[in-house]
Amino acid sequence: MNHVFRALDDPTRRKILELLKSEDLSAGEIASEFDMTKPSVSHHLDILKQAGLVIAMRRGQFQVYSINLSVMDEALAWLIGLNKKKSKR
């Protein structure tokens, strides 16, 4: 879970997740949305992959990225669990 929260700590990575929310995108398509080098975007994508937040699939010569909602669901369930108080008996 620590990798997930570290990955979400960066605004660039959060924006990548926002982009992937509506459709799968290639690394080049993602990079075109940022004013940074492609290797920098690739580094952010790698951190998201390591955290399990995105999945990369090869389609021809391109890496296409999609959001991994199951990891997001786990993180959200954990956060919601923190918000619940134990009932007193």
PDB file of N, CA and C in Angstrom:
ATOM      1  N   MET A   1       0.825  -1.198   0.000  1.00  0.00           N
ATOM      2  CA  MET A   1       0.000   0.000   0.000  1.00  0.00           C
ATOM      3  C   MET A   1       0.868   1.260   0.000  1.00  0.00           C
ATOM      4  N   ASN A   2       2.072   1.202   0.588  1.00  0.00           N
ATOM      5  CA  ASN A   2       2.942   2.377   0.616  1.00  0.00           C
ATOM      6  C   ASN A   2       3.307   2.847  -0.785  1.00  0.00           C
ATOM      7  N   HIS A   3       3.550   1.909  -1.704  1.00  0.00           N
ATOM      8  CA  HIS A   3       3.883   2.276  -3.089  1.00  0.00           C
ATOM      9  C   HIS A   3       2.735   3.043  -3.736  1.00  0.00           C
ATOM     10  N   VAL A   4       1.522   2.628  -3.420  1.00  0.00           N
ATOM     11  CA  VAL A   4       0.343   3.290  -3.993  1.00  0.00           C
ATOM     12  C   VAL A   4       0.292   4.744  -3.546  1.00  0.00           C
ATOM     13  N   PHE A   5       0.436   4.980  -2.253  1.00  0.00           N
ATOM     14  CA  PHE A   5       0.331   6.355  -1.753  1.00  0.00           C
ATOM     15  C   PHE A   5       1.513   7.211  -2.178  1.00  0.00           C
ATOM     16  N   ARG A   6       2.701   6.617  -2.292  1.00  0.00           N
ATOM     17  CA  ARG A   6       3.848   7.373  -2.814  1.00  0.00           C
ATOM     18  C   ARG A   6       3.600   7.775  -4.267  1.00  0.00           C
ATOM     19  N   ALA A   7       3.046   6.852  -5.044  1.00  0.00           N
ATOM     20  CA  ALA A   7       2.762   7.154  -6.450  1.00  0.00           C
ATOM     21  C   ALA A   7       1.714   8.251  -6.570  1.00  0.00           C
ATOM     22  N   LEU A   8       0.713   8.223  -5.716  1.00  0.00           N
ATOM     23  CA  LEU A   8      -0.363   9.220  -5.766  1.00  0.00           C
ATOM     24  C   LEU A   8       0.056  10.581  -5.230  1.00  0.00           C
ATOM     25  N   ASP A   9       1.194  10.642  -4.583  1.00  0.00           N
ATOM     26  CA  ASP A   9       1.675  11.890  -3.986  1.00  0.00           C
ATOM     27  C   ASP A   9       2.106  12.918  -5.027  1.00  0.00           C
ATOM     28  N   ASP A  10       2.355  12.496  -6.252  1.00  0.00           N
ATOM     29  CA  ASP A  10       2.882  13.398  -7.274  1.00  0.00           C
ATOM     30  C   ASP A  10       1.771  13.879  -8.211  1.00  0.00           C
ATOM     31  N   PRO A  11       1.671  15.200  -8.445  1.00  0.00           N
ATOM     32  CA  PRO A  11       0.602  15.729  -9.304  1.00  0.00           C
ATOM     33  C   PRO A  11       0.692  15.237 -10.750  1.00  0.00           C
ATOM     34  N   THR A  12       1.882  15.000 -11.262  1.00  0.00           N
ATOM     35  CA  THR A  12       2.009  14.490 -12.628  1.00  0.00           C
ATOM     36  C   THR A  12       1.403  13.097 -12.728  1.00  0.00           C
ATOM     37  N   ARG A  13       1.671  12.261 -11.749  1.00  0.00           N
ATOM     38  CA  ARG A  13       1.123  10.906 -11.772  1.00  0.00           C
ATOM     39  C   ARG A  13      -0.391  10.919 -11.582  1.00  0.00           C
ATOM     40  N   ARG A  14      -0.887  11.836 -10.769  1.00  0.00           N
ATOM     41  CA  ARG A  14      -2.346  11.942 -10.617  1.00  0.00           C
ATOM     42  C   ARG A  14      -2.985  12.390 -11.929  1.00  0.00           C
ATOM     43  N   LYS A  15      -2.324  13.280 -12.650  1.00  0.00           N
ATOM     44  CA  LYS A  15      -2.868  13.717 -13.937  1.00  0.00           C
ATOM     45  C   LYS A  15      -2.850  12.564 -14.939  1.00  0.00           C
ATOM     46  N   ILE A  16      -1.813  11.748 -14.924  1.00  0.00           N
ATOM     47  CA  ILE A  16      -1.769  10.577 -15.808  1.00  0.00           C
ATOM     48  C   ILE A  16      -2.960   9.672 -15.522  1.00  0.00           C
ATOM     49  N   LEU A  17      -3.255   9.444 -14.252  1.00  0.00           N
ATOM     50  CA  LEU A  17      -4.407   8.614 -13.902  1.00  0.00           C
ATOM     51  C   LEU A  17      -5.709   9.236 -14.374  1.00  0.00           C
ATOM     52  N   GLU A  18      -5.807  10.550 -14.276  1.00  0.00           N
ATOM     53  CA  GLU A  18      -7.002  11.249 -14.784  1.00  0.00           C
ATOM     54  C   GLU A  18      -7.157  11.020 -16.293  1.00  0.00           C
ATOM     55  N   LEU A  19      -6.043  11.100 -17.024  1.00  0.00           N
ATOM     56  CA  LEU A  19      -6.084  10.871 -18.469  1.00  0.00           C
ATOM     57  C   LEU A  19      -6.535   9.447 -18.787  1.00  0.00           C
ATOM     58  N   LEU A  20      -6.045   8.496 -18.016  1.00  0.00           N
ATOM     59  CA  LEU A  20      -6.361   7.092 -18.272  1.00  0.00           C
ATOM     60  C   LEU A  20      -7.753   6.703 -17.787  1.00  0.00           C
ATOM     61  N   LYS A  21      -8.383   7.573 -17.028  1.00  0.00           N
ATOM     62  CA  LYS A  21      -9.722   7.297 -16.512  1.00  0.00           C
ATOM     63  C   LYS A  21     -10.726   7.102 -17.651  1.00  0.00           C
ATOM     64  N   SER A  22     -10.559   7.850 -18.717  1.00  0.00           N
ATOM     65  CA  SER A  22     -11.544   7.790 -19.798  1.00  0.00           C
ATOM     66  C   SER A  22     -11.150   6.860 -20.943  1.00  0.00           C
ATOM     67  N   GLU A  23      -9.840   6.615 -21.102  1.00  0.00           N
ATOM     68  CA  GLU A  23      -9.422   5.722 -22.190  1.00  0.00           C
ATOM     69  C   GLU A  23      -7.982   5.258 -22.005  1.00  0.00           C
ATOM     70  N   ASP A  24      -7.673   4.113 -22.617  1.00  0.00           N
ATOM     71  CA  ASP A  24      -6.301   3.625 -22.629  1.00  0.00           C
ATOM     72  C   ASP A  24      -5.491   4.491 -23.582  1.00  0.00           C
ATOM     73  N   LEU A  25      -4.243   4.765 -23.229  1.00  0.00           N
ATOM     74  CA  LEU A  25      -3.397   5.641 -24.039  1.00  0.00           C
ATOM     75  C   LEU A  25      -2.003   5.063 -24.172  1.00  0.00           C
ATOM     76  N   SER A  26      -1.373   5.359 -25.287  1.00  0.00           N
ATOM     77  CA  SER A  26       0.026   4.968 -25.466  1.00  0.00           C
ATOM     78  C   SER A  26       0.920   5.919 -24.673  1.00  0.00           C
ATOM     79  N   ALA A  27       2.149   5.511 -24.457  1.00  0.00           N
ATOM     80  CA  ALA A  27       3.098   6.367 -23.742  1.00  0.00           C
ATOM     81  C   ALA A  27       3.270   7.698 -24.469  1.00  0.00           C
ATOM     82  N   GLY A  28       3.315   7.667 -25.781  1.00  0.00           N
ATOM     83  CA  GLY A  28       3.459   8.899 -26.564  1.00  0.00           C
ATOM     84  C   GLY A  28       2.270   9.829 -26.410  1.00  0.00           C
ATOM     85  N   GLU A  29       1.069   9.246 -26.384  1.00  0.00           N
ATOM     86  CA  GLU A  29      -0.132  10.068 -26.198  1.00  0.00           C
ATOM     87  C   GLU A  29      -0.130  10.706 -24.811  1.00  0.00           C
ATOM     88  N   ILE A  30       0.300   9.961 -23.824  1.00  0.00           N
ATOM     89  CA  ILE A  30       0.380  10.516 -22.467  1.00  0.00           C
ATOM     90  C   ILE A  30       1.427  11.624 -22.425  1.00  0.00           C
ATOM     91  N   ALA A  31       2.592  11.367 -22.998  1.00  0.00           N
ATOM     92  CA  ALA A  31       3.684  12.346 -22.983  1.00  0.00           C
ATOM     93  C   ALA A  31       3.282  13.652 -23.663  1.00  0.00           C
ATOM     94  N   SER A  32       2.429  13.565 -24.689  1.00  0.00           N
ATOM     95  CA  SER A  32       2.028  14.784 -25.411  1.00  0.00           C
ATOM     96  C   SER A  32       1.201  15.731 -24.544  1.00  0.00           C
ATOM     97  N   GLU A  33       0.709  15.253 -23.422  1.00  0.00           N
ATOM     98  CA  GLU A  33      -0.098  16.084 -22.519  1.00  0.00           C
ATOM     99  C   GLU A  33       0.742  16.862 -21.511  1.00  0.00           C
ATOM    100  N   PHE A  34       2.069  16.632 -21.528  1.00  0.00           N
ATOM    101  CA  PHE A  34       2.940  17.239 -20.523  1.00  0.00           C
ATOM    102  C   PHE A  34       4.057  18.029 -21.179  1.00  0.00           C
ATOM    103  N   ASP A  35       4.519  19.038 -20.474  1.00  0.00           N
ATOM    104  CA  ASP A  35       5.652  19.835 -20.926  1.00  0.00           C
ATOM    105  C   ASP A  35       6.911  19.315 -20.220  1.00  0.00           C
ATOM    106  N   MET A  36       7.265  18.068 -20.558  1.00  0.00           N
ATOM    107  CA  MET A  36       8.470  17.447 -19.999  1.00  0.00           C
ATOM    108  C   MET A  36       8.969  16.421 -21.005  1.00  0.00           C
ATOM    109  N   THR A  37      10.154  15.939 -20.783  1.00  0.00           N
ATOM    110  CA  THR A  37      10.738  14.990 -21.720  1.00  0.00           C
ATOM    111  C   THR A  37      10.011  13.643 -21.636  1.00  0.00           C
ATOM    112  N   LYS A  38      10.080  12.889 -22.732  1.00  0.00           N
ATOM    113  CA  LYS A  38       9.475  11.559 -22.740  1.00  0.00           C
ATOM    114  C   LYS A  38      10.095  10.636 -21.694  1.00  0.00           C
ATOM    115  N   PRO A  39      11.431  10.692 -21.487  1.00  0.00           N
ATOM    116  CA  PRO A  39      11.991   9.857 -20.412  1.00  0.00           C
ATOM    117  C   PRO A  39      11.427  10.206 -19.028  1.00  0.00           C
ATOM    118  N   SER A  40      11.126  11.481 -18.793  1.00  0.00           N
ATOM    119  CA  SER A  40      10.535  11.867 -17.505  1.00  0.00           C
ATOM    120  C   SER A  40       9.133  11.286 -17.352  1.00  0.00           C
ATOM    121  N   VAL A  41       8.351  11.356 -18.410  1.00  0.00           N
ATOM    122  CA  VAL A  41       7.004  10.772 -18.381  1.00  0.00           C
ATOM    123  C   VAL A  41       7.104   9.261 -18.201  1.00  0.00           C
ATOM    124  N   SER A  42       8.049   8.654 -18.883  1.00  0.00           N
ATOM    125  CA  SER A  42       8.268   7.215 -18.760  1.00  0.00           C
ATOM    126  C   SER A  42       8.597   6.832 -17.312  1.00  0.00           C
ATOM    127  N   HIS A  43       9.385   7.661 -16.650  1.00  0.00           N
ATOM    128  CA  HIS A  43       9.719   7.422 -15.242  1.00  0.00           C
ATOM    129  C   HIS A  43       8.449   7.441 -14.380  1.00  0.00           C
ATOM    130  N   HIS A  44       7.582   8.409 -14.612  1.00  0.00           N
ATOM    131  CA  HIS A  44       6.326   8.485 -13.863  1.00  0.00           C
ATOM    132  C   HIS A  44       5.454   7.257 -14.143  1.00  0.00           C
ATOM    133  N   LEU A  45       5.405   6.837 -15.400  1.00  0.00           N
ATOM    134  CA  LEU A  45       4.624   5.653 -15.750  1.00  0.00           C
ATOM    135  C   LEU A  45       5.183   4.407 -15.067  1.00  0.00           C
ATOM    136  N   ASP A  46       6.493   4.328 -14.971  1.00  0.00           N
ATOM    137  CA  ASP A  46       7.122   3.184 -14.314  1.00  0.00           C
ATOM    138  C   ASP A  46       6.759   3.142 -12.831  1.00  0.00           C
ATOM    139  N   ILE A  47       6.740   4.274 -12.183  1.00  0.00           N
ATOM    140  CA  ILE A  47       6.352   4.329 -10.764  1.00  0.00           C
ATOM    141  C   ILE A  47       4.898   3.892 -10.599  1.00  0.00           C
ATOM    142  N   LEU A  48       4.029   4.342 -11.496  1.00  0.00           N
ATOM    143  CA  LEU A  48       2.626   3.926 -11.446  1.00  0.00           C
ATOM    144  C   LEU A  48       2.486   2.424 -11.678  1.00  0.00           C
ATOM    145  N   LYS A  49       3.299   1.876 -12.588  1.00  0.00           N
ATOM    146  CA  LYS A  49       3.284   0.427 -12.840  1.00  0.00           C
ATOM    147  C   LYS A  49       3.757  -0.327 -11.609  1.00  0.00           C
ATOM    148  N   GLN A  50       4.834   0.113 -10.996  1.00  0.00           N
ATOM    149  CA  GLN A  50       5.365  -0.560  -9.807  1.00  0.00           C
ATOM    150  C   GLN A  50       4.352  -0.559  -8.667  1.00  0.00           C
ATOM    151  N   ALA A  51       3.560   0.488  -8.582  1.00  0.00           N
ATOM    152  CA  ALA A  51       2.532   0.576  -7.549  1.00  0.00           C
ATOM    153  C   ALA A  51       1.291  -0.231  -7.920  1.00  0.00           C
ATOM    154  N   GLY A  52       1.238  -0.719  -9.141  1.00  0.00           N
ATOM    155  CA  GLY A  52       0.083  -1.488  -9.595  1.00  0.00           C
ATOM    156  C   GLY A  52      -1.096  -0.639 -10.024  1.00  0.00           C
ATOM    157  N   LEU A  53      -0.876   0.671 -10.141  1.00  0.00           N
ATOM    158  CA  LEU A  53      -1.973   1.576 -10.494  1.00  0.00           C
ATOM    159  C   LEU A  53      -2.277   1.592 -11.989  1.00  0.00           C
ATOM    160  N   VAL A  54      -1.303   1.228 -12.807  1.00  0.00           N
ATOM    161  CA  VAL A  54      -1.525   1.122 -14.249  1.00  0.00           C
ATOM    162  C   VAL A  54      -0.978  -0.215 -14.738  1.00  0.00           C
ATOM    163  N   ILE A  55      -1.531  -0.636 -15.851  1.00  0.00           N
ATOM    164  CA  ILE A  55      -1.093  -1.858 -16.521  1.00  0.00           C
ATOM    165  C   ILE A  55      -0.630  -1.454 -17.910  1.00  0.00           C
ATOM    166  N   ALA A  56       0.512  -1.971 -18.327  1.00  0.00           N
ATOM    167  CA  ALA A  56       1.040  -1.684 -19.670  1.00  0.00           C
ATOM    168  C   ALA A  56       0.888  -2.934 -20.523  1.00  0.00           C
ATOM    169  N   MET A  57       0.374  -2.740 -21.745  1.00  0.00           N
ATOM    170  CA  MET A  57       0.224  -3.828 -22.705  1.00  0.00           C
ATOM    171  C   MET A  57       0.886  -3.415 -24.008  1.00  0.00           C
ATOM    172  N   ARG A  58       1.563  -4.328 -24.618  1.00  0.00           N
ATOM    173  CA  ARG A  58       2.192  -4.038 -25.908  1.00  0.00           C
ATOM    174  C   ARG A  58       1.161  -4.238 -27.002  1.00  0.00           C
ATOM    175  N   ARG A  59       1.001  -3.215 -27.822  1.00  0.00           N
ATOM    176  CA  ARG A  59       0.141  -3.287 -29.022  1.00  0.00           C
ATOM    177  C   ARG A  59       1.003  -2.856 -30.192  1.00  0.00           C
ATOM    178  N   GLY A  60       1.486  -3.846 -30.926  1.00  0.00           N
ATOM    179  CA  GLY A  60       2.405  -3.549 -32.013  1.00  0.00           C
ATOM    180  C   GLY A  60       3.697  -3.005 -31.441  1.00  0.00           C
ATOM    181  N   GLN A  61       4.079  -1.832 -31.896  1.00  0.00           N
ATOM    182  CA  GLN A  61       5.318  -1.225 -31.402  1.00  0.00           C
ATOM    183  C   GLN A  61       5.097  -0.268 -30.236  1.00  0.00           C
ATOM    184  N   PHE A  62       3.863  -0.168 -29.761  1.00  0.00           N
ATOM    185  CA  PHE A  62       3.540   0.795 -28.705  1.00  0.00           C
ATOM    186  C   PHE A  62       3.219   0.099 -27.386  1.00  0.00           C
ATOM    187  N   GLN A  63       3.546   0.769 -26.297  1.00  0.00           N
ATOM    188  CA  GLN A  63       3.083   0.377 -24.972  1.00  0.00           C
ATOM    189  C   GLN A  63       1.806   1.167 -24.713  1.00  0.00           C
ATOM    190  N   VAL A  64       0.724   0.469 -24.432  1.00  0.00           N
ATOM    191  CA  VAL A  64      -0.547   1.129 -24.140  1.00  0.00           C
ATOM    192  C   VAL A  64      -0.854   0.918 -22.661  1.00  0.00           C
ATOM    193  N   TYR A  65      -1.227   1.988 -22.002  1.00  0.00           N
ATOM    194  CA  TYR A  65      -1.450   1.974 -20.563  1.00  0.00           C
ATOM    195  C   TYR A  65      -2.938   2.072 -20.251  1.00  0.00           C
ATOM    196  N   SER A  66      -3.330   1.339 -19.220  1.00  0.00           N
ATOM    197  CA  SER A  66      -4.699   1.439 -18.716  1.00  0.00           C
ATOM    198  C   SER A  66      -4.650   1.491 -17.197  1.00  0.00           C
ATOM    199  N   ILE A  67      -5.676   2.069 -16.624  1.00  0.00           N
ATOM    200  CA  ILE A  67      -5.737   2.208 -15.172  1.00  0.00           C
ATOM    201  C   ILE A  67      -6.158   0.865 -14.571  1.00  0.00           C
ATOM    202  N   ASN A  68      -5.591   0.527 -13.429  1.00  0.00           N
ATOM    203  CA  ASN A  68      -5.918  -0.712 -12.728  1.00  0.00           C
ATOM    204  C   ASN A  68      -6.840  -0.357 -11.565  1.00  0.00           C
ATOM    205  N   LEU A  69      -8.123  -0.531 -11.772  1.00  0.00           N
ATOM    206  CA  LEU A  69      -9.102  -0.104 -10.770  1.00  0.00           C
ATOM    207  C   LEU A  69      -9.098  -0.976  -9.522  1.00  0.00           C
ATOM    208  N   SER A  70      -8.654  -2.220  -9.625  1.00  0.00           N
ATOM    209  CA  SER A  70      -8.679  -3.079  -8.441  1.00  0.00           C
ATOM    210  C   SER A  70      -7.737  -2.547  -7.362  1.00  0.00           C
ATOM    211  N   VAL A  71      -6.585  -2.018  -7.752  1.00  0.00           N
ATOM    212  CA  VAL A  71      -5.665  -1.446  -6.766  1.00  0.00           C
ATOM    213  C   VAL A  71      -6.261  -0.166  -6.188  1.00  0.00           C
ATOM    214  N   MET A  72      -6.921   0.606  -7.021  1.00  0.00           N
ATOM    215  CA  MET A  72      -7.588   1.819  -6.526  1.00  0.00           C
ATOM    216  C   MET A  72      -8.683   1.452  -5.535  1.00  0.00           C
ATOM    217  N   ASP A  73      -9.434   0.386  -5.824  1.00  0.00           N
ATOM    218  CA  ASP A  73     -10.487  -0.061  -4.913  1.00  0.00           C
ATOM    219  C   ASP A  73      -9.911  -0.473  -3.567  1.00  0.00           C
ATOM    220  N   GLU A  74      -8.782  -1.187  -3.574  1.00  0.00           N
ATOM    221  CA  GLU A  74      -8.144  -1.611  -2.329  1.00  0.00           C
ATOM    222  C   GLU A  74      -7.709  -0.403  -1.493  1.00  0.00           C
ATOM    223  N   ALA A  75      -7.109   0.588  -2.156  1.00  0.00           N
ATOM    224  CA  ALA A  75      -6.657   1.791  -1.439  1.00  0.00           C
ATOM    225  C   ALA A  75      -7.847   2.548  -0.869  1.00  0.00           C
ATOM    226  N   LEU A  76      -8.907   2.658  -1.643  1.00  0.00           N
ATOM    227  CA  LEU A  76     -10.106   3.356  -1.175  1.00  0.00           C
ATOM    228  C   LEU A  76     -10.739   2.615  -0.002  1.00  0.00           C
ATOM    229  N   ALA A  77     -10.809   1.296  -0.071  1.00  0.00           N
ATOM    230  CA  ALA A  77     -11.375   0.507   1.032  1.00  0.00           C
ATOM    231  C   ALA A  77     -10.560   0.706   2.293  1.00  0.00           C
ATOM    232  N   TRP A  78      -9.240   0.765   2.157  1.00  0.00           N
ATOM    233  CA  TRP A  78      -8.392   0.985   3.314  1.00  0.00           C
ATOM    234  C   TRP A  78      -8.662   2.360   3.926  1.00  0.00           C
ATOM    235  N   LEU A  79      -8.762   3.385   3.081  1.00  0.00           N
ATOM    236  CA  LEU A  79      -9.030   4.740   3.573  1.00  0.00           C
ATOM    237  C   LEU A  79     -10.395   4.821   4.251  1.00  0.00           C
ATOM    238  N   ILE A  80     -11.390   4.197   3.665  1.00  0.00           N
ATOM    239  CA  ILE A  80     -12.728   4.212   4.263  1.00  0.00           C
ATOM    240  C   ILE A  80     -12.702   3.507   5.612  1.00  0.00           C
ATOM    241  N   GLY A  81     -11.931   2.431   5.694  1.00  0.00           N
ATOM    242  CA  GLY A  81     -11.804   1.711   6.958  1.00  0.00           C
ATOM    243  C   GLY A  81     -11.217   2.570   8.058  1.00  0.00           C
ATOM    244  N   LEU A  82     -10.332   3.487   7.714  1.00  0.00           N
ATOM    245  CA  LEU A  82      -9.776   4.387   8.716  1.00  0.00           C
ATOM    246  C   LEU A  82     -10.804   5.349   9.275  1.00  0.00           C
ATOM    247  N   ASN A  83     -11.794   5.634   8.457  1.00  0.00           N
ATOM    248  CA  ASN A  83     -12.809   6.620   8.819  1.00  0.00           C
ATOM    249  C   ASN A  83     -13.875   6.050   9.746  1.00  0.00           C
ATOM    250  N   LYS A  84     -13.939   4.731   9.846  1.00  0.00           N
ATOM    251  CA  LYS A  84     -14.965   4.104  10.667  1.00  0.00           C
ATOM    252  C   LYS A  84     -14.474   3.947  12.092  1.00  0.00           C
ATOM    253  N   LYS A  85     -15.276   4.333  13.012  1.00  0.00           N
ATOM    254  CA  LYS A  85     -14.930   4.181  14.423  1.00  0.00           C
ATOM    255  C   LYS A  85     -15.433   2.820  14.898  1.00  0.00           C
ATOM    256  N   LYS A  86     -14.665   2.237  15.785  1.00  0.00           N
ATOM    257  CA  LYS A  86     -15.132   0.991  16.398  1.00  0.00           C
ATOM    258  C   LYS A  86     -16.294   1.315  17.313  1.00  0.00           C
ATOM    259  N   SER A  87     -17.289   0.466  17.275  1.00  0.00           N
ATOM    260  CA  SER A  87     -18.423   0.703  18.151  1.00  0.00           C
ATOM    261  C   SER A  87     -18.057   0.286  19.580  1.00  0.00           C
ATOM    262  N   LYS A  88     -18.510   1.068  20.549  1.00  0.00           N
ATOM    263  CA  LYS A  88     -18.234   0.773  21.947  1.00  0.00           C
ATOM    264  C   LYS A  88     -19.253  -0.232  22.441  1.00  0.00           C
ATOM    265  N   ARG A  89     -18.764  -1.186  23.238  1.00  0.00           N
ATOM    266  CA  ARG A  89     -19.681  -2.201  23.787  1.00  0.00           C
ATOM    267  C   ARG A  89     -19.668  -2.158  25.262  1.00  0.00           C
TER     268      ARG A  89
END
